């Protein structure tokens, strides 16, 4: 199996696609200025206590106050609280955590109002991003994640991933990390640390300790509240940290700065694979070049077609996701309805497993498969779904088919489900139902080019249009493109872009920065 990561960096957002055998299996899109990401650590202030829920709301600067339950305070909360007071008492010299005294663990059956008070400052980490009307979900059990290990301040033990099965290797890693870690720190050794040398583990431990030192120094020197004290790595680097494996065939980026960050990170964790990180400089948009745009258009939306006319209908509600399997225009097999239902359901299981990863659907998922009478067919479908979900990194649980033919799946949810708008709004009428004559569209484009070249003074630029329009502009020996170049200069490039609607267009300068050339009525739509 070949795996490739495609990263599309735009001025306002960044999109990351993971391809397995050229098929899109994971997709993330976030604004470049996104905040409140999972893993960020804040010094917040308790806004309101909720004794009935045994929880509180904390101000971390988000639109909605963040939620913190008593059980998420962590066993070491008392030690944290005392240490933060010691840090805040001296703004010039940092009190080292190795000298901090550990207090007894917080009782599991305690009450929130006996531990916290309104206005109290606490150090918290985001474990779930804001979803719908809910604010972020918090924990006081802080952790700093690396590729090989997770550092836990005020922890006291070394744990090794249960996925490392060999007893000798587990003992080696545990003893090795135990000898490296400073006092008052715990460590969780991740699966990918198996077989790694002491020097690699020691280097990452030092990096994680430096992040803790930087975070607690910000707490010491600033009185601003709320305060971001530790920010997760860029989304591209964070995704690679969790996904990266030596079998990757390529990581392609269309931005020099992000390319430099990723190459630096890969060089650190796998120097021999640094050459797979490549800067994409092609004229065609990077997602179009790797066939990501087309897969996005076909993979999202309410209806998803898979093979031989069958399709899924996916509905999202506040409480759960509901999936209906339909045979559509499939032709019945000669050996009957049961065989036809089984084949349709097995195909649906393959596509659904991909959709869960692609859309990052979390919470409860209920799937209505086509009814099957044979118990062995229902068991085969359950086993197929379990096998498909082994590639999914999110924690999940799958129940066998109920007597009503429903399969229930729970999947870890840490951020809102990904949703990509596949329906294109008309770029020319904007809902009015009336447009200029389409034969005049190229005249409109030429007017824009004239303004760019003769009034604004931009001589080199790219015009992105729908592939059909690009084909029309480029057709013939004495093409429209050639006539424009002869009239306005050879700096004009026509780029077909699959993301644009039929009569939509975008201008970019030679540095790939967007040039706003929209009509006034388009800006005020």
Protein backbone atom coordinates (compact mmCIF):
# COMPACT_ATOMS: atom_id res chain seq x y z
CA UNK A 1 0.00 0.00 0.00
CA UNK A 2 1.29 3.45 -0.94
CA UNK A 3 0.61 6.41 1.35
CA UNK A 4 0.96 10.08 0.46
CA UNK A 5 0.21 13.29 2.35
CA UNK A 6 -0.89 16.31 0.30
CA UNK A 7 -0.86 19.72 2.03
CA UNK A 8 -2.60 22.67 0.38
CA UNK A 9 -1.67 25.97 2.04
CA UNK A 10 -3.88 28.95 1.16
CA UNK A 11 -3.77 32.51 2.58
CA UNK A 12 -6.73 31.88 4.91
CA UNK A 13 -6.67 28.14 5.57
CA UNK A 14 -4.65 24.94 5.34
CA UNK A 15 -5.97 21.61 4.04
CA UNK A 16 -4.34 18.23 4.58
CA UNK A 17 -5.25 15.06 2.69
CA UNK A 18 -4.01 11.52 3.34
CA UNK A 19 -4.11 9.18 0.35
CA UNK A 20 -3.80 5.41 0.57
CA UNK A 21 -3.32 3.78 -2.84
CA UNK A 22 -4.43 7.13 -4.35
CA UNK A 23 -7.76 6.96 -2.42
CA UNK A 24 -8.62 9.82 -0.07
CA UNK A 25 -9.03 8.45 3.47
CA UNK A 26 -8.45 11.44 5.78
CA UNK A 27 -9.01 15.16 5.31
CA UNK A 28 -8.57 18.15 7.59
CA UNK A 29 -9.22 21.80 6.88
CA UNK A 30 -8.59 24.60 9.37
CA UNK A 31 -8.19 28.38 9.29
CA UNK A 32 -4.53 29.31 9.59
CA UNK A 33 -5.30 31.50 12.61
CA UNK A 34 -7.27 28.70 14.34
CA UNK A 35 -7.20 28.73 18.12
CA UNK A 36 -8.45 26.42 20.89
CA UNK A 37 -6.84 23.38 19.26
CA UNK A 38 -6.64 20.10 21.14
CA UNK A 39 -3.41 20.05 23.17
CA UNK A 40 -3.20 23.82 23.80
CA UNK A 41 -2.52 24.74 27.44
CA UNK A 42 -3.96 27.88 29.09
CA UNK A 43 -3.85 29.67 32.40
CA UNK A 44 -7.57 30.24 32.86
CA UNK A 45 -9.87 31.58 35.53
CA UNK A 46 -12.82 29.76 37.10
CA UNK A 47 -15.97 31.58 35.97
CA UNK A 48 -18.77 29.55 37.54
CA UNK A 49 -19.16 26.47 39.76
CA UNK A 50 -21.86 23.87 38.98
CA UNK A 51 -22.19 21.65 42.10
CA UNK A 52 -25.08 19.71 40.53
CA UNK A 53 -22.81 18.59 37.68
CA UNK A 54 -19.74 18.44 39.95
CA UNK A 55 -18.04 20.65 37.38
CA UNK A 56 -17.18 24.24 36.60
CA UNK A 57 -16.88 26.64 33.67
CA UNK A 58 -13.48 28.18 32.97
CA UNK A 59 -12.61 31.30 30.96
CA UNK A 60 -9.86 30.44 28.46
CA UNK A 61 -10.75 33.17 25.98
CA UNK A 62 -13.20 31.19 23.84
CA UNK A 63 -16.64 32.47 22.85
CA UNK A 64 -18.24 29.87 25.15
CA UNK A 65 -16.72 29.17 28.58
CA UNK A 66 -14.86 25.85 28.68
CA UNK A 67 -16.16 22.88 30.70
CA UNK A 68 -14.09 21.16 33.41
CA UNK A 69 -15.44 18.17 35.38
CA UNK A 70 -14.14 17.25 38.82
CA UNK A 71 -12.81 13.91 37.55
CA UNK A 72 -10.75 15.81 34.95
CA UNK A 73 -8.86 17.74 37.61
CA UNK A 74 -6.43 14.82 37.78
CA UNK A 75 -4.99 13.03 40.78
CA UNK A 76 -2.08 15.49 41.01
CA UNK A 77 -4.21 18.67 41.10
CA UNK A 78 -3.19 19.58 44.67
CA UNK A 79 0.50 19.35 43.71
CA UNK A 80 -0.11 21.52 40.63
CA UNK A 81 -1.98 24.13 42.65
CA UNK A 82 0.78 24.43 45.25
CA UNK A 83 3.51 24.57 42.59
CA UNK A 84 1.73 27.31 40.61
CA UNK A 85 1.53 29.42 43.76
CA UNK A 86 5.28 28.95 44.29
CA UNK A 87 5.94 29.92 40.64
CA UNK A 88 3.75 33.02 40.88
CA UNK A 89 5.35 34.21 44.10
CA UNK A 90 8.68 35.05 42.40
CA UNK A 91 8.56 36.72 38.95
CA UNK A 92 12.36 36.74 38.57
CA UNK A 93 13.55 33.25 39.49
CA UNK A 94 11.66 30.12 38.40
CA UNK A 95 11.02 27.58 41.13
CA UNK A 96 12.19 24.21 39.66
CA UNK A 97 9.58 21.46 39.50
CA UNK A 98 12.15 18.90 40.68
CA UNK A 99 12.15 20.62 44.09
CA UNK A 100 8.35 20.72 44.33
CA UNK A 101 6.80 18.52 46.98
CA UNK A 102 4.09 16.10 45.92
CA UNK A 103 0.85 16.25 47.87
CA UNK A 104 -1.62 13.37 48.34
CA UNK A 105 -3.76 12.45 45.32
CA UNK A 106 -7.14 14.11 44.93
CA UNK A 107 -9.94 11.80 46.17
CA UNK A 108 -12.07 10.37 43.35
CA UNK A 109 -15.31 10.93 45.26
CA UNK A 110 -14.66 14.58 46.07
CA UNK A 111 -16.73 17.69 45.28
CA UNK A 112 -15.80 20.54 42.94
CA UNK A 113 -16.69 23.34 45.41
CA UNK A 114 -14.26 21.98 48.04
CA UNK A 115 -11.33 22.25 45.57
CA UNK A 116 -12.07 25.31 43.41
CA UNK A 117 -13.56 28.74 43.93
CA UNK A 118 -14.86 31.39 41.55
CA UNK A 119 -12.00 33.58 40.28
CA UNK A 120 -9.32 30.98 40.99
CA UNK A 121 -6.52 30.65 38.42
CA UNK A 122 -5.87 27.16 37.10
CA UNK A 123 -3.69 25.61 34.41
CA UNK A 124 -5.78 23.61 31.93
CA UNK A 125 -5.38 21.75 28.64
CA UNK A 126 -7.97 21.41 25.86
CA UNK A 127 -9.02 17.82 25.13
CA UNK A 128 -12.04 18.60 22.92
CA UNK A 129 -12.54 21.56 20.63
CA UNK A 130 -15.78 23.60 20.71
CA UNK A 131 -18.53 21.55 19.03
CA UNK A 132 -21.85 23.14 18.00
CA UNK A 133 -23.13 25.08 21.03
CA UNK A 134 -20.65 23.56 23.48
CA UNK A 135 -17.41 25.23 24.56
CA UNK A 136 -14.06 23.43 24.77
CA UNK A 137 -13.64 20.45 27.14
CA UNK A 138 -10.72 20.76 29.58
CA UNK A 139 -8.45 18.69 31.79
CA UNK A 140 -5.93 19.66 34.46
CA UNK A 141 -4.00 16.42 33.85
CA UNK A 142 -1.46 18.08 31.55
CA UNK A 143 0.58 16.21 28.94
CA UNK A 144 3.10 17.07 26.22
CA UNK A 145 2.91 14.69 23.27
CA UNK A 146 5.89 13.73 21.15
CA UNK A 147 6.36 11.07 18.52
CA UNK A 148 7.84 8.43 20.81
CA UNK A 149 6.52 9.43 24.22
CA UNK A 150 4.13 11.63 26.18
CA UNK A 151 5.50 13.69 29.08
CA UNK A 152 3.27 14.12 32.16
CA UNK A 153 4.33 16.72 34.77
CA UNK A 154 3.83 15.53 38.37
CA UNK A 155 3.42 11.94 37.18
CA UNK A 156 5.54 9.35 38.91
CA UNK A 157 5.63 6.28 36.70
CA UNK A 158 6.63 5.08 33.25
CA UNK A 159 3.94 3.28 31.23
CA UNK A 160 4.52 1.42 27.97
CA UNK A 161 1.92 1.12 25.20
CA UNK A 162 -0.02 -2.14 25.42
CA UNK A 163 0.44 -2.55 21.65
CA UNK A 164 4.11 -3.37 22.28
CA UNK A 165 3.72 -7.10 22.95
CA UNK A 166 7.29 -8.34 23.49
CA UNK A 167 8.07 -8.54 27.19
CA UNK A 168 11.81 -7.96 26.71
CA UNK A 169 11.22 -4.79 24.68
CA UNK A 170 8.69 -3.47 27.20
CA UNK A 171 11.17 -3.97 30.04
CA UNK A 172 13.99 -2.35 28.03
CA UNK A 173 11.94 0.75 27.23
CA UNK A 174 10.63 1.08 30.76
CA UNK A 175 14.09 0.85 32.36
CA UNK A 176 15.62 3.14 29.75
CA UNK A 177 13.05 5.92 30.15
CA UNK A 178 13.02 5.51 33.95
CA UNK A 179 16.75 6.24 34.02
CA UNK A 180 16.33 9.34 31.79
CA UNK A 181 13.34 11.17 33.20
CA UNK A 182 13.78 13.84 35.90
CA UNK A 183 12.01 13.75 39.26
CA UNK A 184 8.29 14.68 39.32
CA UNK A 185 7.68 13.65 35.72
CA UNK A 186 5.85 10.65 34.33
CA UNK A 187 6.15 9.25 30.82
CA UNK A 188 3.93 7.19 28.52
CA UNK A 189 5.99 5.35 25.90
CA UNK A 190 4.14 5.22 22.56
CA UNK A 191 3.99 2.26 20.18
CA UNK A 192 6.35 3.77 17.60
CA UNK A 193 9.16 3.83 20.22
CA UNK A 194 9.57 0.07 19.79
CA UNK A 195 13.15 -0.70 18.77
CA UNK A 196 14.35 2.92 19.08
CA UNK A 197 17.80 3.69 20.46
CA UNK A 198 18.47 5.48 23.73
CA UNK A 199 19.85 8.57 21.96
CA UNK A 200 16.61 9.07 19.96
CA UNK A 201 14.44 8.74 23.07
CA UNK A 202 16.69 11.02 25.10
CA UNK A 203 16.59 13.71 22.39
CA UNK A 204 12.80 13.73 22.32
CA UNK A 205 12.56 13.75 26.13
CA UNK A 206 14.77 16.85 26.22
CA UNK A 207 12.54 18.51 23.60
CA UNK A 208 9.39 17.79 25.64
CA UNK A 209 11.03 19.04 28.86
CA UNK A 210 11.97 22.26 27.04
CA UNK A 211 8.29 22.75 26.08
CA UNK A 212 7.25 22.37 29.72
CA UNK A 213 9.96 24.82 30.80
CA UNK A 214 8.78 27.35 28.20
CA UNK A 215 5.13 26.99 29.27
CA UNK A 216 5.75 27.40 33.00
CA UNK A 217 8.07 30.37 32.34
CA UNK A 218 5.18 32.16 30.59
CA UNK A 219 3.01 31.50 33.66
CA UNK A 220 5.72 32.98 35.90
CA UNK A 221 6.34 36.14 33.89
CA UNK A 222 2.80 37.15 32.83
CA UNK A 223 -0.20 38.16 34.91
CA UNK A 224 -2.57 38.18 31.91
CA UNK A 225 -5.55 35.84 32.26
CA UNK A 226 -6.58 33.92 30.27
CA UNK A 227 -3.12 33.21 28.85
CA UNK A 228 -2.04 30.73 26.18
CA UNK A 229 1.11 29.15 27.62
CA UNK A 230 1.64 26.25 25.21
CA UNK A 231 0.43 25.99 21.64
CA UNK A 232 0.29 22.75 19.71
CA UNK A 233 2.50 22.48 16.65
CA UNK A 234 1.07 23.60 13.33
CA UNK A 235 -1.74 21.37 12.12
CA UNK A 236 0.43 19.91 9.37
CA UNK A 237 3.22 18.96 11.78
CA UNK A 238 0.79 17.71 14.45
CA UNK A 239 -0.96 15.44 11.94
CA UNK A 240 2.35 14.03 10.75
CA UNK A 241 3.45 13.42 14.32
CA UNK A 242 0.51 11.04 14.79
CA UNK A 243 0.37 9.59 11.27
CA UNK A 244 3.94 9.44 10.08
CA UNK A 245 5.42 6.06 9.28
CA UNK A 246 8.51 5.10 7.28
CA UNK A 247 6.40 3.60 4.47
CA UNK A 248 5.25 7.01 3.24
CA UNK A 249 6.08 7.52 -0.42
CA UNK A 250 5.76 11.29 -0.41
CA UNK A 251 4.71 14.39 1.49
CA UNK A 252 3.87 17.22 -0.92
CA UNK A 253 3.49 20.86 0.18
CA UNK A 254 2.79 23.96 -1.92
CA UNK A 255 4.15 26.49 0.60
CA UNK A 256 7.86 27.07 1.24
CA UNK A 257 7.51 27.95 4.96
CA UNK A 258 5.34 24.93 5.81
CA UNK A 259 7.62 22.75 3.66
CA UNK A 260 10.60 23.93 5.73
CA UNK A 261 8.79 23.18 9.02
CA UNK A 262 7.75 19.69 7.94
CA UNK A 263 11.14 18.82 6.48
CA UNK A 264 12.77 19.92 9.73
CA UNK A 265 10.41 17.76 11.75
CA UNK A 266 10.86 14.67 9.54
CA UNK A 267 14.65 15.19 9.58
CA UNK A 268 14.47 15.11 13.37
CA UNK A 269 12.38 11.95 13.76
CA UNK A 270 13.43 10.01 10.64
CA UNK A 271 16.50 11.55 8.93
CA UNK A 272 16.59 8.84 6.29
CA UNK A 273 13.11 9.85 5.06
CA UNK A 274 13.70 13.61 4.80
CA UNK A 275 13.87 13.41 1.00
CA UNK A 276 10.20 12.36 0.71
CA UNK A 277 9.14 15.89 1.79
CA UNK A 278 8.82 17.78 -1.48
CA UNK A 279 7.84 21.33 -2.38
CA UNK A 280 5.18 21.38 -5.08
CA UNK A 281 5.62 24.13 -7.68
CA UNK A 282 3.30 22.92 -10.44
CA UNK A 283 1.00 25.29 -12.31
CA UNK A 284 -2.09 23.15 -11.61
CA UNK A 285 -3.51 23.48 -8.03
CA UNK A 286 -1.94 20.80 -5.84
CA UNK A 287 -5.25 19.12 -4.94
CA UNK A 288 -6.24 18.95 -8.61
CA UNK A 289 -2.88 17.45 -9.52
CA UNK A 290 -3.29 14.58 -7.03
CA UNK A 291 -7.02 14.07 -7.78
CA UNK A 292 -8.03 15.19 -4.28
CA UNK A 293 -10.57 17.83 -5.37
CA UNK A 294 -12.65 15.34 -7.37
CA UNK A 295 -12.64 12.85 -4.48
CA UNK A 296 -13.72 15.60 -2.08
CA UNK A 297 -16.65 16.52 -4.33
CA UNK A 298 -17.77 12.89 -4.58
CA UNK A 299 -16.94 11.84 -1.01
CA UNK A 300 -18.92 14.47 0.91
CA UNK A 301 -22.55 15.48 0.83
CA UNK A 302 -25.71 13.73 1.94
CA UNK A 303 -25.53 10.96 -0.68
CA UNK A 304 -22.35 8.96 -1.30
CA UNK A 305 -22.21 6.50 -4.19
CA UNK A 306 -19.97 3.48 -4.00
CA UNK A 307 -19.96 0.49 -6.36
CA UNK A 308 -22.46 -0.75 -8.94
CA UNK A 309 -25.15 1.82 -8.24
CA UNK A 310 -25.40 1.32 -4.46
CA UNK A 311 -25.19 4.38 -2.23
CA UNK A 312 -25.18 5.64 1.38
CA UNK A 313 -27.33 8.41 2.79
CA UNK A 314 -25.59 10.13 5.71
CA UNK A 315 -27.52 12.43 8.06
CA UNK A 316 -26.00 14.39 10.95
CA UNK A 317 -28.00 15.28 14.07
CA UNK A 318 -27.07 16.87 17.40
CA UNK A 319 -27.06 13.47 19.15
CA UNK A 320 -25.77 11.07 16.50
CA UNK A 321 -24.99 10.30 12.88
CA UNK A 322 -27.42 8.11 10.93
CA UNK A 323 -26.42 6.11 7.84
CA UNK A 324 -28.85 4.33 5.50
CA UNK A 325 -27.62 1.71 3.01
CA UNK A 326 -29.43 1.52 -0.34
CA UNK A 327 -28.93 -0.94 -3.17
CA UNK A 328 -29.99 1.70 -5.75
CA UNK A 329 -29.83 0.51 -9.35
CA UNK A 330 -27.93 -2.72 -8.59
CA UNK A 331 -28.97 -5.72 -10.64
CA UNK A 332 -29.99 -8.66 -8.50
CA UNK A 333 -27.63 -11.63 -8.48
CA UNK A 334 -28.78 -14.92 -9.93
CA UNK A 335 -28.60 -16.72 -6.58
CA UNK A 336 -31.16 -14.48 -4.94
CA UNK A 337 -31.89 -11.47 -2.77
CA UNK A 338 -29.79 -12.70 0.18
CA UNK A 339 -26.57 -12.77 -1.87
CA UNK A 340 -27.41 -9.35 -3.33
CA UNK A 341 -28.00 -7.88 0.14
CA UNK A 342 -24.76 -9.37 1.47
CA UNK A 343 -22.65 -7.97 -1.39
CA UNK A 344 -24.26 -4.52 -1.05
CA UNK A 345 -23.74 -4.51 2.71
CA UNK A 346 -20.09 -5.59 2.48
CA UNK A 347 -19.42 -2.78 0.00
CA UNK A 348 -21.19 -0.36 2.35
CA UNK A 349 -18.98 -1.51 5.24
CA UNK A 350 -15.87 -0.74 3.17
CA UNK A 351 -17.11 2.72 2.19
CA UNK A 352 -18.46 3.56 5.65
CA UNK A 353 -15.11 2.83 7.33
CA UNK A 354 -13.50 5.28 4.87
CA UNK A 355 -16.23 7.88 5.47
CA UNK A 356 -15.79 7.77 9.25
CA UNK A 357 -12.10 8.62 8.88
CA UNK A 358 -12.65 11.08 6.04
CA UNK A 359 -15.36 13.11 7.81
CA UNK A 360 -13.91 12.46 11.29
CA UNK A 361 -17.40 11.51 12.46
CA UNK A 362 -17.55 10.94 16.22
CA UNK A 363 -20.04 10.07 18.92
CA UNK A 364 -22.78 7.56 18.09
CA UNK A 365 -23.19 6.26 14.54
CA UNK A 366 -26.25 4.12 13.71
CA UNK A 367 -26.18 2.22 10.40
CA UNK A 368 -29.29 0.73 8.79
CA UNK A 369 -28.00 -2.10 6.59
CA UNK A 370 -30.17 -4.03 4.14
CA UNK A 371 -31.95 -6.86 5.97
CA UNK A 372 -30.27 -10.28 5.84
CA UNK A 373 -31.85 -13.53 7.02
CA UNK A 374 -28.78 -15.73 7.53
CA UNK A 375 -26.89 -15.43 10.82
CA UNK A 376 -23.58 -16.28 9.12
CA UNK A 377 -24.05 -13.36 6.70
CA UNK A 378 -24.70 -10.95 9.58
CA UNK A 379 -21.58 -12.24 11.36
CA UNK A 380 -19.52 -11.83 8.15
CA UNK A 381 -20.68 -8.22 7.87
CA UNK A 382 -19.75 -7.51 11.51
CA UNK A 383 -16.29 -9.04 11.05
CA UNK A 384 -15.77 -7.06 7.82
CA UNK A 385 -16.61 -3.81 9.61
CA UNK A 386 -14.24 -4.63 12.49
CA UNK A 387 -11.44 -5.45 10.04
CA UNK A 388 -11.96 -2.21 8.10
CA UNK A 389 -11.88 -0.12 11.28
CA UNK A 390 -8.47 -1.45 12.35
CA UNK A 391 -6.84 1.34 10.31
CA UNK A 392 -8.75 3.98 12.29
CA UNK A 393 -6.60 5.71 14.92
CA UNK A 394 -9.62 7.03 16.87
CA UNK A 395 -10.90 4.86 19.72
CA UNK A 396 -14.06 3.07 18.64
CA UNK A 397 -16.45 0.28 19.57
CA UNK A 398 -18.64 -1.73 17.20
CA UNK A 399 -21.70 -3.79 18.17
CA UNK A 400 -23.06 -6.68 16.07
CA UNK A 401 -26.27 -6.17 14.12
CA UNK A 402 -29.38 -5.88 16.28
CA UNK A 403 -32.56 -7.82 15.53
CA UNK A 404 -33.76 -4.74 13.63
CA UNK A 405 -30.72 -4.91 11.30
CA UNK A 406 -29.02 -1.86 12.86
CA UNK A 407 -25.30 -1.62 13.65
CA UNK A 408 -24.23 0.75 16.41
CA UNK A 409 -20.75 2.29 16.40
CA UNK A 410 -19.18 4.70 18.87
CA UNK A 411 -16.12 6.65 17.78
CA UNK A 412 -13.97 9.10 19.71
CA UNK A 413 -14.93 12.70 19.02
CA UNK A 414 -12.44 15.50 19.73
CA UNK A 415 -13.49 18.04 17.08
CA UNK A 416 -16.56 18.77 14.95
CA UNK A 417 -17.24 16.37 12.08
CA UNK A 418 -15.67 17.56 8.83
CA UNK A 419 -18.19 18.88 6.35
CA UNK A 420 -17.35 20.03 2.83
CA UNK A 421 -19.95 21.90 0.78
CA UNK A 422 -20.23 20.02 -2.52
CA UNK A 423 -23.17 21.99 -3.91
CA UNK A 424 -21.92 24.99 -5.88
CA UNK A 425 -23.77 28.29 -5.75
CA UNK A 426 -24.13 30.15 -9.02
CA UNK A 427 -21.17 32.56 -9.22
CA UNK A 428 -22.90 34.89 -11.67
CA UNK A 429 -26.53 35.32 -10.58
CA UNK A 430 -26.02 34.78 -6.81
CA UNK A 431 -29.53 33.40 -6.44
CA UNK A 432 -31.39 35.97 -8.52
CA UNK A 433 -31.93 33.59 -11.46
CA UNK A 434 -30.74 36.16 -13.99
CA UNK A 435 -27.25 36.31 -15.49
CA UNK A 436 -25.37 38.17 -18.14
CA UNK A 437 -25.12 36.40 -21.45
CA UNK A 438 -22.59 33.58 -20.98
CA UNK A 439 -21.06 34.33 -24.39
CA UNK A 440 -19.85 37.61 -22.86
CA UNK A 441 -18.00 35.87 -19.99
CA UNK A 442 -14.64 35.95 -21.80
CA UNK A 443 -15.18 39.65 -22.52
CA UNK A 444 -15.67 40.17 -18.79
CA UNK A 445 -12.41 38.32 -18.10
CA UNK A 446 -10.57 40.46 -20.66
CA UNK A 447 -11.84 43.61 -18.93
CA UNK A 448 -10.41 42.32 -15.64
CA UNK A 449 -7.08 41.56 -17.34
CA UNK A 450 -7.02 45.05 -18.83
CA UNK A 451 -7.59 46.57 -15.37
CA UNK A 452 -4.82 44.45 -13.84
CA UNK A 453 -2.25 45.25 -16.50
CA UNK A 454 -3.01 48.85 -17.46
CA UNK A 455 -4.54 50.36 -14.31
CA UNK A 456 -3.16 48.37 -11.37
CA UNK A 457 0.17 47.59 -13.03
CA UNK A 458 0.35 43.84 -12.36
CA UNK A 459 2.00 42.29 -15.42
CA UNK A 460 2.45 38.67 -14.25
CA UNK A 461 -0.50 36.76 -12.84
CA UNK A 462 -2.52 33.52 -13.04
CA UNK A 463 -6.19 33.34 -13.98
CA UNK A 464 -7.90 30.31 -12.37
CA UNK A 465 -11.08 29.17 -14.13
CA UNK A 466 -13.23 26.04 -14.45
CA UNK A 467 -11.50 23.34 -16.61
CA UNK A 468 -14.18 23.67 -19.33
CA UNK A 469 -13.61 27.42 -19.57
CA UNK A 470 -9.83 26.90 -19.57
CA UNK A 471 -10.20 24.45 -22.46
CA UNK A 472 -12.24 27.05 -24.41
CA UNK A 473 -9.64 29.79 -23.76
CA UNK A 474 -6.76 27.51 -24.86
CA UNK A 475 -8.39 25.96 -27.94
CA UNK A 476 -7.08 26.51 -31.46
CA UNK A 477 -3.78 27.67 -32.95
CA UNK A 478 -4.72 31.33 -32.52
CA UNK A 479 -6.33 30.81 -29.14
CA UNK A 480 -7.96 33.42 -26.91
CA UNK A 481 -5.08 32.99 -24.49
CA UNK A 482 -2.54 33.76 -27.22
CA UNK A 483 -4.47 36.86 -28.28
CA UNK A 484 -4.54 38.09 -24.65
CA UNK A 485 -0.79 37.48 -24.31
CA UNK A 486 -0.06 39.40 -27.51
CA UNK A 487 -2.22 42.31 -26.31
CA UNK A 488 -1.39 42.42 -22.56
CA UNK A 489 1.96 40.61 -22.29
CA UNK A 490 3.29 37.10 -21.87
CA UNK A 491 2.86 37.18 -18.06
CA UNK A 492 -0.69 35.80 -18.32
CA UNK A 493 -1.18 32.13 -17.25
CA UNK A 494 -4.48 30.23 -17.50
CA UNK A 495 -4.90 27.58 -14.77
CA UNK A 496 -7.80 25.06 -14.77
CA UNK A 497 -9.16 24.61 -11.23
CA UNK A 498 -11.66 21.91 -10.32
CA UNK A 499 -12.79 23.69 -7.16
CA UNK A 500 -14.34 26.58 -9.11
CA UNK A 501 -17.90 26.66 -10.44
CA UNK A 502 -18.56 26.97 -14.18
CA UNK A 503 -18.45 30.78 -14.55
CA UNK A 504 -16.31 31.52 -11.51
CA UNK A 505 -12.80 32.94 -11.68
CA UNK A 506 -9.91 33.91 -9.39
CA UNK A 507 -6.75 35.95 -10.01
CA UNK A 508 -3.40 35.26 -8.28
CA UNK A 509 -0.17 37.24 -8.56
CA UNK A 510 3.27 35.73 -9.27
CA UNK A 511 3.69 35.01 -5.52
CA UNK A 512 0.39 33.07 -5.51
CA UNK A 513 -1.37 35.74 -3.45
CA UNK A 514 -5.09 36.20 -4.19
CA UNK A 515 -6.06 39.37 -6.09
CA UNK A 516 -9.63 40.53 -5.40
CA UNK A 517 -11.16 41.44 -8.77
CA UNK A 518 -14.81 40.67 -7.96
CA UNK A 519 -17.64 42.88 -9.17
CA UNK A 520 -19.18 45.24 -6.62
CA UNK A 521 -22.48 43.33 -6.61
CA UNK A 522 -20.51 40.11 -5.93
CA UNK A 523 -18.87 41.62 -2.87
CA UNK A 524 -22.25 42.77 -1.50
CA UNK A 525 -24.13 39.58 -2.16
